[in-house]
């Protein structure tokens, strides 16, 4: 099995990744929203539309 991030051979300790670095890259992508599961739920679509129409939040 190859690492889904860099395509090197996966390591059993970090499976399916080859290293902690690649596992952390994947986790960072999930946490930042780069990976998303699409939804067909009308309520989710409505919430997304509302979020786009609101002004951006000011940083603290």
C-alpha atoms as a PDB file:
ATOM      1  CA  UNK A   1       0.000   0.000   0.000  1.00  0.00           C
ATOM      2  CA  UNK A   2       1.311   3.457  -0.825  1.00  0.00           C
ATOM      3  CA  UNK A   3       0.969   6.620   1.223  1.00  0.00           C
ATOM      4  CA  UNK A   4      -1.979   8.739  -0.020  1.00  0.00           C
ATOM      5  CA  UNK A   5       0.046  11.933   0.555  1.00  0.00           C
ATOM      6  CA  UNK A   6       3.462  11.219  -1.005  1.00  0.00           C
ATOM      7  CA  UNK A   7       3.043   7.756  -2.618  1.00  0.00           C
ATOM      8  CA  UNK A   8       5.913   6.154  -0.679  1.00  0.00           C
ATOM      9  CA  UNK A   9       5.473   2.710   0.847  1.00  0.00           C
ATOM     10  CA  UNK A  10       3.250   2.945   3.947  1.00  0.00           C
ATOM     11  CA  UNK A  11       4.600   2.146   7.410  1.00  0.00           C
ATOM     12  CA  UNK A  12       2.556  -0.148   9.659  1.00  0.00           C
ATOM     13  CA  UNK A  13       3.023   2.314  12.549  1.00  0.00           C
ATOM     14  CA  UNK A  14       1.349   5.174  10.610  1.00  0.00           C
ATOM     15  CA  UNK A  15      -0.836   3.178   8.227  1.00  0.00           C
ATOM     16  CA  UNK A  16      -2.024   4.149   5.655  1.00  0.00           C
ATOM     17  CA  UNK A  17       0.683   6.825   5.731  1.00  0.00           C
ATOM     18  CA  UNK A  18       4.459   6.435   5.476  1.00  0.00           C
ATOM     19  CA  UNK A  19       5.309   8.739   8.376  1.00  0.00           C
ATOM     20  CA  UNK A  20       3.957  10.979  11.119  1.00  0.00           C
ATOM     21  CA  UNK A  21       4.634  13.941   8.828  1.00  0.00           C
ATOM     22  CA  UNK A  22       2.245  12.653   6.136  1.00  0.00           C
ATOM     23  CA  UNK A  23      -0.340  11.702   8.779  1.00  0.00           C
ATOM     24  CA  UNK A  24      -0.140  15.248  10.169  1.00  0.00           C
ATOM     25  CA  UNK A  25      -0.496  16.763   6.692  1.00  0.00           C
ATOM     26  CA  UNK A  26      -3.682  14.736   6.193  1.00  0.00           C
ATOM     27  CA  UNK A  27      -5.044  15.767   9.605  1.00  0.00           C
ATOM     28  CA  UNK A  28      -4.305  19.411   8.807  1.00  0.00           C
ATOM     29  CA  UNK A  29      -6.236  19.128   5.558  1.00  0.00           C
ATOM     30  CA  UNK A  30      -9.275  17.750   7.410  1.00  0.00           C
ATOM     31  CA  UNK A  31      -9.079  20.433  10.111  1.00  0.00           C
ATOM     32  CA  UNK A  32      -8.735  23.299   7.617  1.00  0.00           C
ATOM     33  CA  UNK A  33     -11.712  22.112   5.588  1.00  0.00           C
ATOM     34  CA  UNK A  34      -9.760  21.074   2.496  1.00  0.00           C
ATOM     35  CA  UNK A  35     -11.553  17.745   2.681  1.00  0.00           C
ATOM     36  CA  UNK A  36     -15.317  17.931   2.834  1.00  0.00           C
ATOM     37  CA  UNK A  37     -18.193  15.542   2.406  1.00  0.00           C
ATOM     38  CA  UNK A  38     -20.861  17.107   0.188  1.00  0.00           C
ATOM     39  CA  UNK A  39     -24.422  17.266   1.443  1.00  0.00           C
ATOM     40  CA  UNK A  40     -27.701  17.298  -0.466  1.00  0.00           C
ATOM     41  CA  UNK A  41     -29.699  18.238   2.637  1.00  0.00           C
ATOM     42  CA  UNK A  42     -31.729  21.412   1.842  1.00  0.00           C
ATOM     43  CA  UNK A  43     -31.173  22.678   5.386  1.00  0.00           C
ATOM     44  CA  UNK A  44     -27.378  22.507   4.913  1.00  0.00           C
ATOM     45  CA  UNK A  45     -27.677  24.374   1.608  1.00  0.00           C
ATOM     46  CA  UNK A  46     -29.743  27.086   3.286  1.00  0.00           C
ATOM     47  CA  UNK A  47     -27.179  27.484   6.098  1.00  0.00           C
ATOM     48  CA  UNK A  48     -24.358  27.719   3.544  1.00  0.00           C
ATOM     49  CA  UNK A  49     -26.201  30.421   1.602  1.00  0.00           C
ATOM     50  CA  UNK A  50     -26.784  32.401   4.807  1.00  0.00           C
ATOM     51  CA  UNK A  51     -23.117  32.105   5.767  1.00  0.00           C
ATOM     52  CA  UNK A  52     -22.057  33.473   2.370  1.00  0.00           C
ATOM     53  CA  UNK A  53     -24.362  36.480   2.674  1.00  0.00           C
ATOM     54  CA  UNK A  54     -23.048  37.469   6.138  1.00  0.00           C
ATOM     55  CA  UNK A  55     -20.062  39.827   6.430  1.00  0.00           C
ATOM     56  CA  UNK A  56     -16.814  38.114   7.473  1.00  0.00           C
ATOM     57  CA  UNK A  57     -16.120  37.923  11.199  1.00  0.00           C
ATOM     58  CA  UNK A  58     -13.508  40.371  12.495  1.00  0.00           C
ATOM     59  CA  UNK A  59     -10.383  38.737  14.019  1.00  0.00           C
ATOM     60  CA  UNK A  60      -9.888  39.171  17.747  1.00  0.00           C
END
